[in-house]
Amino acid sequence: MWYANRIRLFQMFEITGVSLIKKVFIILMSILVILMGWMMVVLFGNGAAGDGADAAERANVSVVQSEETSVPITAPSQKELSSLSTAPSHNDASVSNSDQSQNQVSIQSSTSSEEVAEESSISVNEGETTENGVIVSGDGYKVYSSSSKLLDVPYVCQLPDYPTGCEGISAVMALNYAGMAITPEEFFDHCLTMTYYPFDPDLSYCGNPRDDSGFGCYAPVIAEAMNRALSDRDDCQAYAVYGKTVDELCEQYINKNVPVVIWASENMDVVRPSSSWMYNGKLIQWYAPEHCLVLVGYDEEYYYFNDPMQNKNISYSKAAVNDAYTAMGMQCVVITRANNRVITENGT
């Protein structure tokens, strides 16, 4: 019995010991898990805080750099705008509101005088200097570097008195701008060479500009007539110019305040072959609807004209102008200083 009691006591002690060890082990493992969890929280929490601090620091650096490199933008003054270009007036009914707003936007986006000076200094040719950011060429013309320009050329309408006199009326506008107080009547009656059919449009005007039977003429005839009108002026001369693109005309003449009498078509419509005939053994091909008008300005989308059949400062798309002008032989007439050489038909 003592032995049996001893066995039961030993079994009870064994069971109790095993349970106690398990409980101690569970408690120790729980403490270890809690410690590891706390350490992970501490470690990852500090890392996140560090990342936040680094991000804040980087944000501060970027702000500082932005402030250091920023340049204040100053709008051009009214004086600078007026010196770069002149927008069509509100009373020009032929210029739509959208055209006016587009032209004004391109003027407002023009570079400042300091930027013009920097840009112009790269392309100054021999004999040219700069004054307040404006190129002054050897012949005294001022060349402005801008995305738009519009000359204020006096307007003369060919209707109703001269229904086929667009060439002569355009010439009168250019002469008036050059300071010649000549009327259409004086130009047609005393300056323009007029003959009858058949004719060569490079030699004379055919018909009568006062009625619908007139044909017209080309650049050499108008240049010769304009020089007759300028016979008392030794500072100016009219030239027939060939083969220059409209952009080149704007760069070389409009930017120098010289309007350009150019040959294109009515309303910049598609040019097509019309009548043809023989004159002194030469085949003459006439093109319709032939028209002559005065190029007075440009912007990023349009060329502007004093159109003798329409109004002052009429805008036509650049693509339509280029097509019509090219189809009519890329011919035009300009009035320049007598010593200012241009490329004419014979290359002189």
C-alpha atoms as a PDB file:
ATOM      1  CA  MET A   1       0.000   0.000   0.000  1.00  0.00           C
ATOM      2  CA  TRP A   2       2.851   2.319   0.767  1.00  0.00           C
ATOM      3  CA  TYR A   3       4.294   1.396  -2.550  1.00  0.00           C
ATOM      4  CA  ALA A   4       1.022   2.069  -4.259  1.00  0.00           C
ATOM      5  CA  ASN A   5       0.726   5.444  -2.544  1.00  0.00           C
ATOM      6  CA  ARG A   6       4.279   6.250  -3.572  1.00  0.00           C
ATOM      7  CA  ILE A   7       3.442   5.381  -7.176  1.00  0.00           C
ATOM      8  CA  ARG A   8       0.334   7.624  -7.127  1.00  0.00           C
ATOM      9  CA  LEU A   9       2.310  10.452  -5.507  1.00  0.00           C
ATOM     10  CA  PHE A  10       5.018  10.186  -8.122  1.00  0.00           C
ATOM     11  CA  GLN A  11       2.451  10.204 -10.949  1.00  0.00           C
ATOM     12  CA  MET A  12       0.792  13.260  -9.476  1.00  0.00           C
ATOM     13  CA  PHE A  13       4.129  15.054  -9.144  1.00  0.00           C
ATOM     14  CA  GLU A  14       5.024  14.084 -12.732  1.00  0.00           C
ATOM     15  CA  ILE A  15       1.753  15.378 -14.088  1.00  0.00           C
ATOM     16  CA  THR A  16       2.010  18.554 -12.033  1.00  0.00           C
ATOM     17  CA  GLY A  17       5.616  19.124 -13.153  1.00  0.00           C
ATOM     18  CA  VAL A  18       4.806  18.693 -16.798  1.00  0.00           C
ATOM     19  CA  SER A  19       1.909  21.157 -16.573  1.00  0.00           C
ATOM     20  CA  LEU A  20       4.092  23.666 -14.758  1.00  0.00           C
ATOM     21  CA  ILE A  21       6.812  23.423 -17.389  1.00  0.00           C
ATOM     22  CA  LYS A  22       4.263  23.901 -20.143  1.00  0.00           C
ATOM     23  CA  LYS A  23       2.843  26.941 -18.414  1.00  0.00           C
ATOM     24  CA  VAL A  24       6.277  28.466 -17.906  1.00  0.00           C
ATOM     25  CA  PHE A  25       7.184  27.763 -21.534  1.00  0.00           C
ATOM     26  CA  ILE A  26       3.976  29.360 -22.787  1.00  0.00           C
ATOM     27  CA  ILE A  27       4.567  32.433 -20.603  1.00  0.00           C
ATOM     28  CA  LEU A  28       8.157  32.782 -21.829  1.00  0.00           C
ATOM     29  CA  MET A  29       7.105  32.427 -25.477  1.00  0.00           C
ATOM     30  CA  SER A  30       4.379  35.015 -25.000  1.00  0.00           C
ATOM     31  CA  ILE A  31       6.868  37.453 -23.476  1.00  0.00           C
ATOM     32  CA  LEU A  32       9.271  36.799 -26.367  1.00  0.00           C
ATOM     33  CA  VAL A  33       6.539  37.413 -28.961  1.00  0.00           C
ATOM     34  CA  ILE A  34       5.540  40.636 -27.217  1.00  0.00           C
ATOM     35  CA  LEU A  35       9.172  41.809 -27.139  1.00  0.00           C
ATOM     36  CA  MET A  36       9.689  40.999 -30.822  1.00  0.00           C
ATOM     37  CA  GLY A  37       6.482  42.791 -31.759  1.00  0.00           C
ATOM     38  CA  TRP A  38       7.491  45.872 -29.809  1.00  0.00           C
ATOM     39  CA  MET A  39      10.929  45.873 -31.443  1.00  0.00           C
ATOM     40  CA  MET A  40       9.346  45.636 -34.915  1.00  0.00           C
ATOM     41  CA  VAL A  41       7.002  48.505 -34.138  1.00  0.00           C
ATOM     42  CA  VAL A  42       9.905  50.613 -32.929  1.00  0.00           C
ATOM     43  CA  LEU A  43      12.098  49.784 -35.910  1.00  0.00           C
ATOM     44  CA  PHE A  44       9.457  50.293 -38.642  1.00  0.00           C
ATOM     45  CA  GLY A  45       7.969  53.310 -36.946  1.00  0.00           C
ATOM     46  CA  ASN A  46      11.315  55.081 -36.884  1.00  0.00           C
ATOM     47  CA  GLY A  47      11.894  54.139 -40.537  1.00  0.00           C
ATOM     48  CA  ALA A  48       8.568  55.642 -41.614  1.00  0.00           C
ATOM     49  CA  ALA A  49       9.268  58.749 -39.610  1.00  0.00           C
ATOM     50  CA  GLY A  50      12.663  58.991 -41.262  1.00  0.00           C
ATOM     51  CA  ASP A  51      11.130  58.644 -44.724  1.00  0.00           C
ATOM     52  CA  GLY A  52       8.643  61.371 -43.900  1.00  0.00           C
ATOM     53  CA  ALA A  53      11.431  63.650 -42.733  1.00  0.00           C
ATOM     54  CA  ASP A  54      13.437  62.924 -45.889  1.00  0.00           C
ATOM     55  CA  ALA A  55      10.407  63.653 -48.066  1.00  0.00           C
ATOM     56  CA  ALA A  56       9.790  66.909 -46.251  1.00  0.00           C
ATOM     57  CA  GLU A  57      13.435  67.838 -46.666  1.00  0.00           C
ATOM     58  CA  ARG A  58      13.342  67.029 -50.359  1.00  0.00           C
ATOM     59  CA  ALA A  59      10.171  69.088 -50.764  1.00  0.00           C
ATOM     60  CA  ASN A  60      11.850  72.054 -49.132  1.00  0.00           C
ATOM     61  CA  VAL A  61      14.851  71.704 -51.423  1.00  0.00           C
ATOM     62  CA  SER A  62      12.685  71.574 -54.541  1.00  0.00           C
ATOM     63  CA  VAL A  63      10.765  74.657 -53.469  1.00  0.00           C
ATOM     64  CA  VAL A  64      13.969  76.550 -52.824  1.00  0.00           C
ATOM     65  CA  GLN A  65      15.388  75.525 -56.175  1.00  0.00           C
ATOM     66  CA  SER A  66      12.189  76.579 -57.911  1.00  0.00           C
ATOM     67  CA  GLU A  67      12.304  79.945 -56.209  1.00  0.00           C
ATOM     68  CA  GLU A  68      15.942  80.428 -57.153  1.00  0.00           C
ATOM     69  CA  THR A  69      15.457  79.599 -60.849  1.00  0.00           C
ATOM     70  CA  SER A  70      12.112  81.322 -61.447  1.00  0.00           C
ATOM     71  CA  VAL A  71      12.107  84.446 -63.624  1.00  0.00           C
ATOM     72  CA  PRO A  72       9.353  87.033 -63.329  1.00  0.00           C
ATOM     73  CA  ILE A  73       7.326  87.390 -66.551  1.00  0.00           C
ATOM     74  CA  THR A  74       6.616  90.962 -67.531  1.00  0.00           C
ATOM     75  CA  ALA A  75       4.047  91.834 -70.201  1.00  0.00           C
ATOM     76  CA  PRO A  76       5.280  94.130 -73.006  1.00  0.00           C
ATOM     77  CA  SER A  77       4.470  97.755 -72.487  1.00  0.00           C
ATOM     78  CA  GLN A  78       1.982  99.504 -74.750  1.00  0.00           C
ATOM     79  CA  LYS A  79       4.885 101.334 -76.385  1.00  0.00           C
ATOM     80  CA  GLU A  80       6.630  98.049 -77.177  1.00  0.00           C
ATOM     81  CA  LEU A  81       3.429  96.586 -78.623  1.00  0.00           C
ATOM     82  CA  SER A  82       2.839  99.580 -80.850  1.00  0.00           C
ATOM     83  CA  SER A  83       6.427  99.463 -82.091  1.00  0.00           C
ATOM     84  CA  LEU A  84       6.143  95.774 -82.995  1.00  0.00           C
ATOM     85  CA  SER A  85       2.845  95.746 -84.809  1.00  0.00           C
ATOM     86  CA  THR A  86      -0.490  97.418 -85.295  1.00  0.00           C
ATOM     87  CA  ALA A  87      -3.676  95.385 -85.051  1.00  0.00           C
ATOM     88  CA  PRO A  88      -6.597  95.978 -87.440  1.00  0.00           C
ATOM     89  CA  SER A  89      -8.940  98.665 -86.198  1.00  0.00           C
ATOM     90  CA  HIS A  90     -12.374  97.772 -84.894  1.00  0.00           C
ATOM     91  CA  ASN A  91     -14.038  99.691 -87.712  1.00  0.00           C
ATOM     92  CA  ASP A  92     -12.559  97.363 -90.382  1.00  0.00           C
ATOM     93  CA  ALA A  93     -15.708  95.370 -90.991  1.00  0.00           C
ATOM     94  CA  SER A  94     -13.866  92.996 -93.319  1.00  0.00           C
ATOM     95  CA  VAL A  95     -11.698  91.672 -90.489  1.00  0.00           C
ATOM     96  CA  SER A  96     -13.665  89.233 -88.328  1.00  0.00           C
ATOM     97  CA  ASN A  97     -13.564  89.278 -84.540  1.00  0.00           C
ATOM     98  CA  SER A  98     -11.772  85.926 -84.548  1.00  0.00           C
ATOM     99  CA  ASP A  99      -9.106  87.315 -86.897  1.00  0.00           C
ATOM    100  CA  GLN A 100      -8.661  90.346 -84.661  1.00  0.00           C
ATOM    101  CA  SER A 101      -8.331  88.235 -81.526  1.00  0.00           C
ATOM    102  CA  GLN A 102      -5.830  85.903 -83.194  1.00  0.00           C
ATOM    103  CA  ASN A 103      -3.794  88.846 -84.376  1.00  0.00           C
ATOM    104  CA  GLN A 104      -3.867  90.445 -80.936  1.00  0.00           C
ATOM    105  CA  VAL A 105      -2.807  87.203 -79.265  1.00  0.00           C
ATOM    106  CA  SER A 106       0.206  86.899 -81.551  1.00  0.00           C
ATOM    107  CA  ILE A 107       1.121  90.502 -80.842  1.00  0.00           C
ATOM    108  CA  GLN A 108       0.843  90.030 -77.087  1.00  0.00           C
ATOM    109  CA  SER A 109       3.088  86.971 -77.287  1.00  0.00           C
ATOM    110  CA  SER A 110       5.844  88.943 -79.014  1.00  0.00           C
ATOM    111  CA  THR A 111       9.203  88.895 -77.313  1.00  0.00           C
ATOM    112  CA  SER A 112      10.370  91.741 -75.133  1.00  0.00           C
ATOM    113  CA  SER A 113      12.863  94.287 -76.435  1.00  0.00           C
ATOM    114  CA  GLU A 114      15.686  92.603 -74.518  1.00  0.00           C
ATOM    115  CA  GLU A 115      14.881  89.242 -76.143  1.00  0.00           C
ATOM    116  CA  VAL A 116      14.655  90.879 -79.548  1.00  0.00           C
ATOM    117  CA  ALA A 117      18.080  92.424 -79.025  1.00  0.00           C
ATOM    118  CA  GLU A 118      19.569  89.078 -78.074  1.00  0.00           C
ATOM    119  CA  GLU A 119      17.948  87.294 -81.015  1.00  0.00           C
ATOM    120  CA  SER A 120      18.732  90.030 -83.531  1.00  0.00           C
ATOM    121  CA  SER A 121      22.366  90.248 -82.514  1.00  0.00           C
ATOM    122  CA  ILE A 122      22.868  86.760 -83.935  1.00  0.00           C
ATOM    123  CA  SER A 123      21.595  87.644 -87.407  1.00  0.00           C
ATOM    124  CA  VAL A 124      22.906  91.179 -87.869  1.00  0.00           C
ATOM    125  CA  ASN A 125      24.431  91.454 -91.310  1.00  0.00           C
ATOM    126  CA  GLU A 126      27.439  93.472 -92.325  1.00  0.00           C
ATOM    127  CA  GLY A 127      26.653  97.176 -92.266  1.00  0.00           C
ATOM    128  CA  GLU A 128      23.791  96.747 -89.795  1.00  0.00           C
ATOM    129  CA  THR A 129      23.626  97.844 -86.175  1.00  0.00           C
ATOM    130  CA  THR A 130      21.090  97.527 -83.394  1.00  0.00           C
ATOM    131  CA  GLU A 131      19.188 100.283 -81.615  1.00  0.00           C
ATOM    132  CA  ASN A 132      17.209  99.283 -78.533  1.00  0.00           C
ATOM    133  CA  GLY A 133      16.904  95.721 -79.751  1.00  0.00           C
ATOM    134  CA  VAL A 134      15.944  96.674 -83.311  1.00  0.00           C
ATOM    135  CA  ILE A 135      18.105  95.978 -86.341  1.00  0.00           C
ATOM    136  CA  VAL A 136      18.838  99.109 -88.332  1.00  0.00           C
ATOM    137  CA  SER A 137      20.072  98.216 -91.794  1.00  0.00           C
ATOM    138  CA  GLY A 138      22.502 100.259 -93.826  1.00  0.00           C
ATOM    139  CA  ASP A 139      19.690 101.845 -95.847  1.00  0.00           C
ATOM    140  CA  GLY A 140      17.973 103.148 -92.719  1.00  0.00           C
ATOM    141  CA  TYR A 141      15.103 100.678 -92.545  1.00  0.00           C
ATOM    142  CA  LYS A 142      14.194  99.226 -89.175  1.00  0.00           C
ATOM    143  CA  VAL A 143      13.672  95.474 -89.057  1.00  0.00           C
ATOM    144  CA  TYR A 144      11.514  94.153 -86.229  1.00  0.00           C
ATOM    145  CA  SER A 145      11.771  90.595 -84.954  1.00  0.00           C
ATOM    146  CA  SER A 146       8.195  89.610 -84.167  1.00  0.00           C
ATOM    147  CA  SER A 147       5.544  87.067 -85.068  1.00  0.00           C
ATOM    148  CA  SER A 148       3.240  89.687 -86.582  1.00  0.00           C
ATOM    149  CA  LYS A 149       3.343  93.044 -88.309  1.00  0.00           C
ATOM    150  CA  LEU A 150       0.771  95.245 -90.030  1.00  0.00           C
ATOM    151  CA  LEU A 151       1.496  98.357 -92.094  1.00  0.00           C
ATOM    152  CA  ASP A 152      -0.983 101.233 -92.154  1.00  0.00           C
ATOM    153  CA  VAL A 153      -1.212 101.645 -95.931  1.00  0.00           C
ATOM    154  CA  PRO A 154      -3.818 104.143 -97.236  1.00  0.00           C
ATOM    155  CA  TYR A 155      -6.713 102.278 -98.804  1.00  0.00           C
ATOM    156  CA  VAL A 156      -8.215 102.944-102.258  1.00  0.00           C
ATOM    157  CA  CYS A 157     -11.148 100.919-103.614  1.00  0.00           C
ATOM    158  CA  GLN A 158     -11.361 100.096-107.320  1.00  0.00           C
ATOM    159  CA  LEU A 159     -15.151  99.790-107.279  1.00  0.00           C
ATOM    160  CA  PRO A 160     -17.257 101.038-108.869  1.00  0.00           C
ATOM    161  CA  ASP A 161     -15.065 103.326-110.987  1.00  0.00           C
ATOM    162  CA  TYR A 162     -12.299 100.878-111.995  1.00  0.00           C
ATOM    163  CA  PRO A 163     -13.781  97.360-112.175  1.00  0.00           C
ATOM    164  CA  THR A 164     -10.720  95.943-114.006  1.00  0.00           C
ATOM    165  CA  GLY A 165      -8.100  98.303-112.606  1.00  0.00           C
ATOM    166  CA  CYS A 166      -6.814  96.309-109.616  1.00  0.00           C
ATOM    167  CA  GLU A 167      -3.168  96.589-110.741  1.00  0.00           C
ATOM    168  CA  GLY A 168      -3.241 100.376-111.027  1.00  0.00           C
ATOM    169  CA  ILE A 169      -5.238 100.868-107.803  1.00  0.00           C
ATOM    170  CA  SER A 170      -2.787  98.668-105.892  1.00  0.00           C
ATOM    171  CA  ALA A 171       0.070 100.723-107.319  1.00  0.00           C
ATOM    172  CA  VAL A 172      -1.620 103.947-106.186  1.00  0.00           C
ATOM    173  CA  MET A 173      -1.906 102.610-102.618  1.00  0.00           C
ATOM    174  CA  ALA A 174       1.808 101.768-102.554  1.00  0.00           C
ATOM    175  CA  LEU A 175       2.684 105.179-104.002  1.00  0.00           C
ATOM    176  CA  ASN A 176       0.481 106.966-101.451  1.00  0.00           C
ATOM    177  CA  TYR A 177       2.255 105.069 -98.653  1.00  0.00           C
ATOM    178  CA  ALA A 178       5.598 106.199-100.111  1.00  0.00           C
ATOM    179  CA  GLY A 179       4.454 109.820 -99.870  1.00  0.00           C
ATOM    180  CA  MET A 180       3.198 110.368-103.439  1.00  0.00           C
ATOM    181  CA  ALA A 181      -0.111 112.235-103.527  1.00  0.00           C
ATOM    182  CA  ILE A 182      -1.268 110.642-106.776  1.00  0.00           C
ATOM    183  CA  THR A 183      -4.863 109.768-107.676  1.00  0.00           C
ATOM    184  CA  PRO A 184      -6.101 106.778-109.679  1.00  0.00           C
ATOM    185  CA  GLU A 185      -7.085 109.100-112.525  1.00  0.00           C
ATOM    186  CA  GLU A 186      -3.571 110.539-112.725  1.00  0.00           C
ATOM    187  CA  PHE A 187      -1.972 107.114-112.613  1.00  0.00           C
ATOM    188  CA  PHE A 188      -4.164 105.583-115.348  1.00  0.00           C
ATOM    189  CA  ASP A 189      -4.155 108.649-117.605  1.00  0.00           C
ATOM    190  CA  HIS A 190      -0.493 109.675-117.332  1.00  0.00           C
ATOM    191  CA  CYS A 191       1.593 106.740-116.064  1.00  0.00           C
ATOM    192  CA  LEU A 192       0.182 103.396-117.195  1.00  0.00           C
ATOM    193  CA  THR A 193       0.887 102.037-120.686  1.00  0.00           C
ATOM    194  CA  MET A 194      -2.445 100.821-122.101  1.00  0.00           C
ATOM    195  CA  THR A 195      -3.060  99.025-125.405  1.00  0.00           C
ATOM    196  CA  TYR A 196      -5.702  96.770-126.938  1.00  0.00           C
ATOM    197  CA  TYR A 197      -6.062  93.101-127.679  1.00  0.00           C
ATOM    198  CA  PRO A 198      -3.936  91.197-128.576  1.00  0.00           C
ATOM    199  CA  PHE A 199      -1.235  92.222-126.137  1.00  0.00           C
ATOM    200  CA  ASP A 200       1.657  91.053-123.961  1.00  0.00           C
ATOM    201  CA  PRO A 201       0.847  91.567-120.237  1.00  0.00           C
ATOM    202  CA  ASP A 202       4.565  92.063-119.544  1.00  0.00           C
ATOM    203  CA  LEU A 203       4.556  95.072-121.903  1.00  0.00           C
ATOM    204  CA  SER A 204       1.217  96.829-121.411  1.00  0.00           C
ATOM    205  CA  TYR A 205      -2.192  96.900-119.814  1.00  0.00           C
ATOM    206  CA  CYS A 206      -4.928  95.706-122.148  1.00  0.00           C
ATOM    207  CA  GLY A 207      -8.260  97.479-122.380  1.00  0.00           C
ATOM    208  CA  ASN A 208      -9.774 100.171-120.209  1.00  0.00           C
ATOM    209  CA  PRO A 209      -9.733  99.840-116.377  1.00  0.00           C
ATOM    210  CA  ARG A 210     -12.908 101.933-116.269  1.00  0.00           C
ATOM    211  CA  ASP A 211     -15.048  99.191-117.798  1.00  0.00           C
ATOM    212  CA  ASP A 212     -15.418  95.425-117.692  1.00  0.00           C
ATOM    213  CA  SER A 213     -13.517  94.823-120.927  1.00  0.00           C
ATOM    214  CA  GLY A 214     -10.079  95.317-119.416  1.00  0.00           C
ATOM    215  CA  PHE A 215      -7.722  92.359-119.068  1.00  0.00           C
ATOM    216  CA  GLY A 216      -4.895  93.588-116.866  1.00  0.00           C
ATOM    217  CA  CYS A 217      -1.094  93.468-116.857  1.00  0.00           C
ATOM    218  CA  TYR A 218       1.875  92.039-114.986  1.00  0.00           C
ATOM    219  CA  ALA A 219       4.642  93.324-112.732  1.00  0.00           C
ATOM    220  CA  PRO A 220       6.997  94.952-115.319  1.00  0.00           C
ATOM    221  CA  VAL A 221       4.199  97.204-116.593  1.00  0.00           C
ATOM    222  CA  ILE A 222       3.247  98.381-113.105  1.00  0.00           C
ATOM    223  CA  ALA A 223       6.882  98.905-112.064  1.00  0.00           C
ATOM    224  CA  GLU A 224       7.453 101.064-115.141  1.00  0.00           C
ATOM    225  CA  ALA A 225       4.269 103.088-114.479  1.00  0.00           C
ATOM    226  CA  MET A 226       5.200 103.600-110.826  1.00  0.00           C
ATOM    227  CA  ASN A 227       8.646 104.864-111.814  1.00  0.00           C
ATOM    228  CA  ARG A 228       6.954 107.407-114.098  1.00  0.00           C
ATOM    229  CA  ALA A 229       4.999 108.586-111.067  1.00  0.00           C
ATOM    230  CA  LEU A 230       8.258 108.680-109.066  1.00  0.00           C
ATOM    231  CA  SER A 231      10.190 110.562-111.757  1.00  0.00           C
ATOM    232  CA  ASP A 232      10.560 113.609-109.502  1.00  0.00           C
ATOM    233  CA  ARG A 233      11.800 111.489-106.586  1.00  0.00           C
ATOM    234  CA  ASP A 234      15.487 110.578-106.600  1.00  0.00           C
ATOM    235  CA  ASP A 235      15.259 108.637-103.316  1.00  0.00           C
ATOM    236  CA  CYS A 236      12.804 105.929-104.405  1.00  0.00           C
ATOM    237  CA  GLN A 237      12.458 103.454-107.216  1.00  0.00           C
ATOM    238  CA  ALA A 238       9.988 100.694-108.080  1.00  0.00           C
ATOM    239  CA  TYR A 239      11.270  97.201-108.868  1.00  0.00           C
ATOM    240  CA  ALA A 240       9.670  94.091-110.296  1.00  0.00           C
ATOM    241  CA  VAL A 241      10.596  91.170-108.044  1.00  0.00           C
ATOM    242  CA  TYR A 242      10.295  87.505-109.009  1.00  0.00           C
ATOM    243  CA  GLY A 243      10.592  84.122-107.345  1.00  0.00           C
ATOM    244  CA  LYS A 244      10.437  85.114-103.671  1.00  0.00           C
ATOM    245  CA  THR A 245       8.084  83.283-101.324  1.00  0.00           C
ATOM    246  CA  VAL A 246       5.494  85.295 -99.417  1.00  0.00           C
ATOM    247  CA  ASP A 247       7.390  84.648 -96.197  1.00  0.00           C
ATOM    248  CA  GLU A 248      10.518  86.076 -97.823  1.00  0.00           C
ATOM    249  CA  LEU A 249       8.540  89.121 -98.941  1.00  0.00           C
ATOM    250  CA  CYS A 250       7.369  89.634 -95.371  1.00  0.00           C
ATOM    251  CA  GLU A 251      10.882  89.258 -94.007  1.00  0.00           C
ATOM    252  CA  GLN A 252      12.629  91.432 -96.589  1.00  0.00           C
ATOM    253  CA  TYR A 253       9.997  94.114 -97.194  1.00  0.00           C
ATOM    254  CA  ILE A 254       7.071  94.131 -94.738  1.00  0.00           C
ATOM    255  CA  ASN A 255       9.494  93.994 -91.792  1.00  0.00           C
ATOM    256  CA  LYS A 256      11.250  96.997 -93.351  1.00  0.00           C
ATOM    257  CA  ASN A 257       7.956  98.909 -93.661  1.00  0.00           C
ATOM    258  CA  VAL A 258       7.694  98.362 -97.421  1.00  0.00           C
ATOM    259  CA  PRO A 259       4.284  97.189 -98.736  1.00  0.00           C
ATOM    260  CA  VAL A 260       4.316  94.731-101.629  1.00  0.00           C
ATOM    261  CA  VAL A 261       2.090  94.836-104.736  1.00  0.00           C
ATOM    262  CA  ILE A 262       1.562  91.164-105.583  1.00  0.00           C
ATOM    263  CA  TRP A 263      -0.301  89.113-108.188  1.00  0.00           C
ATOM    264  CA  ALA A 264      -2.677  86.420-106.933  1.00  0.00           C
ATOM    265  CA  SER A 265      -6.397  85.766-107.510  1.00  0.00           C
ATOM    266  CA  GLU A 266      -9.763  87.183-106.479  1.00  0.00           C
ATOM    267  CA  ASN A 267     -10.596  85.935-102.977  1.00  0.00           C
ATOM    268  CA  MET A 268      -7.506  83.680-103.290  1.00  0.00           C
ATOM    269  CA  ASP A 269      -9.573  81.295-105.429  1.00  0.00           C
ATOM    270  CA  VAL A 270      -7.910  78.508-107.413  1.00  0.00           C
ATOM    271  CA  VAL A 271      -6.131  79.893-110.478  1.00  0.00           C
ATOM    272  CA  ARG A 272      -7.027  78.275-113.814  1.00  0.00           C
ATOM    273  CA  PRO A 273      -5.946  78.816-117.433  1.00  0.00           C
ATOM    274  CA  SER A 274      -8.289  81.127-119.350  1.00  0.00           C
ATOM    275  CA  SER A 275      -7.870  82.804-122.751  1.00  0.00           C
ATOM    276  CA  SER A 276      -4.757  82.371-124.879  1.00  0.00           C
ATOM    277  CA  TRP A 277      -3.520  84.140-128.005  1.00  0.00           C
ATOM    278  CA  MET A 278      -0.443  84.823-130.098  1.00  0.00           C
ATOM    279  CA  TYR A 279       1.392  88.148-129.882  1.00  0.00           C
ATOM    280  CA  ASN A 280       4.522  88.806-131.992  1.00  0.00           C
ATOM    281  CA  GLY A 281       5.110  85.098-132.332  1.00  0.00           C
ATOM    282  CA  LYS A 282       4.728  84.498-128.583  1.00  0.00           C
ATOM    283  CA  LEU A 283       1.945  82.400-127.069  1.00  0.00           C
ATOM    284  CA  ILE A 284       0.237  84.363-124.299  1.00  0.00           C
ATOM    285  CA  GLN A 285      -1.687  82.380-121.693  1.00  0.00           C
ATOM    286  CA  TRP A 286      -4.028  84.358-119.464  1.00  0.00           C
ATOM    287  CA  TYR A 287      -5.040  83.039-116.041  1.00  0.00           C
ATOM    288  CA  ALA A 288      -8.251  83.693-114.122  1.00  0.00           C
ATOM    289  CA  PRO A 289      -9.420  85.041-111.790  1.00  0.00           C
ATOM    290  CA  GLU A 290      -6.264  87.207-111.946  1.00  0.00           C
ATOM    291  CA  HIS A 291      -6.070  89.854-109.238  1.00  0.00           C
ATOM    292  CA  CYS A 292      -3.565  92.352-107.878  1.00  0.00           C
ATOM    293  CA  LEU A 293      -3.500  93.556-104.269  1.00  0.00           C
ATOM    294  CA  VAL A 294      -1.173  95.011-101.654  1.00  0.00           C
ATOM    295  CA  LEU A 295       0.483  92.810 -99.036  1.00  0.00           C
ATOM    296  CA  VAL A 296       0.545  94.862 -95.815  1.00  0.00           C
ATOM    297  CA  GLY A 297       1.175  92.408 -92.978  1.00  0.00           C
ATOM    298  CA  TYR A 298       1.172  88.951 -91.497  1.00  0.00           C
ATOM    299  CA  ASP A 299       0.782  86.934 -88.323  1.00  0.00           C
ATOM    300  CA  GLU A 300       1.174  83.251 -87.500  1.00  0.00           C
ATOM    301  CA  GLU A 301      -1.883  82.150 -89.505  1.00  0.00           C
ATOM    302  CA  TYR A 302      -2.729  84.845 -92.048  1.00  0.00           C
ATOM    303  CA  TYR A 303      -1.352  87.324 -94.550  1.00  0.00           C
ATOM    304  CA  TYR A 304      -3.042  90.731 -94.585  1.00  0.00           C
ATOM    305  CA  PHE A 305      -3.850  92.785 -97.688  1.00  0.00           C
ATOM    306  CA  ASN A 306      -5.324  96.020 -98.848  1.00  0.00           C
ATOM    307  CA  ASP A 307      -7.605  94.337-101.372  1.00  0.00           C
ATOM    308  CA  PRO A 308      -8.891  96.914-103.888  1.00  0.00           C
ATOM    309  CA  MET A 309     -12.017  94.803-104.439  1.00  0.00           C
ATOM    310  CA  GLN A 310     -12.720  94.216-100.743  1.00  0.00           C
ATOM    311  CA  ASN A 311     -11.386  96.469 -98.001  1.00  0.00           C
ATOM    312  CA  LYS A 312      -8.373  97.389 -95.898  1.00  0.00           C
ATOM    313  CA  ASN A 313      -6.459  94.787 -93.862  1.00  0.00           C
ATOM    314  CA  ILE A 314      -8.270  91.769 -95.313  1.00  0.00           C
ATOM    315  CA  SER A 315      -6.913  88.458 -93.978  1.00  0.00           C
ATOM    316  CA  TYR A 316      -6.366  85.410 -96.176  1.00  0.00           C
ATOM    317  CA  SER A 317      -5.006  82.048 -95.073  1.00  0.00           C
ATOM    318  CA  LYS A 318      -1.345  81.516 -95.788  1.00  0.00           C
ATOM    319  CA  ALA A 319      -1.964  78.319 -97.740  1.00  0.00           C
ATOM    320  CA  ALA A 320      -4.473  79.970-100.101  1.00  0.00           C
ATOM    321  CA  VAL A 321      -2.202  82.988-100.656  1.00  0.00           C
ATOM    322  CA  ASN A 322       0.826  80.838-101.401  1.00  0.00           C
ATOM    323  CA  ASP A 323      -1.124  78.756-103.924  1.00  0.00           C
ATOM    324  CA  ALA A 324      -2.579  81.734-105.782  1.00  0.00           C
ATOM    325  CA  TYR A 325       0.655  83.734-105.719  1.00  0.00           C
ATOM    326  CA  THR A 326       2.675  80.764-107.015  1.00  0.00           C
ATOM    327  CA  ALA A 327       0.163  80.051-109.786  1.00  0.00           C
ATOM    328  CA  MET A 328       0.503  83.666-110.979  1.00  0.00           C
ATOM    329  CA  GLY A 329       4.262  83.361-111.379  1.00  0.00           C
ATOM    330  CA  MET A 330       5.483  84.635-107.962  1.00  0.00           C
ATOM    331  CA  GLN A 331       5.673  88.218-109.229  1.00  0.00           C
ATOM    332  CA  CYS A 332       5.384  91.469-107.330  1.00  0.00           C
ATOM    333  CA  VAL A 333       6.481  95.117-107.249  1.00  0.00           C
ATOM    334  CA  VAL A 334       8.093  97.049-104.386  1.00  0.00           C
ATOM    335  CA  ILE A 335       9.170 100.646-103.890  1.00  0.00           C
ATOM    336  CA  THR A 336      12.535 100.829-102.161  1.00  0.00           C
ATOM    337  CA  ARG A 337      15.380 103.223-101.756  1.00  0.00           C
ATOM    338  CA  ALA A 338      17.055 103.801-105.115  1.00  0.00           C
ATOM    339  CA  ASN A 339      20.310 102.169-103.950  1.00  0.00           C
ATOM    340  CA  ASN A 340      18.633  99.144-102.357  1.00  0.00           C
ATOM    341  CA  ARG A 341      19.296  96.220-104.706  1.00  0.00           C
ATOM    342  CA  VAL A 342      16.656  93.541-105.256  1.00  0.00           C
ATOM    343  CA  ILE A 343      16.570  90.431-107.375  1.00  0.00           C
ATOM    344  CA  THR A 344      14.654  91.134-110.584  1.00  0.00           C
ATOM    345  CA  GLU A 345      13.770  88.937-113.539  1.00  0.00           C
ATOM    346  CA  ASN A 346      17.170  89.243-115.223  1.00  0.00           C
ATOM    347  CA  GLY A 347      19.008  88.586-111.944  1.00  0.00           C
ATOM    348  CA  THR A 348      20.384  92.112-111.531  1.00  0.00           C
END
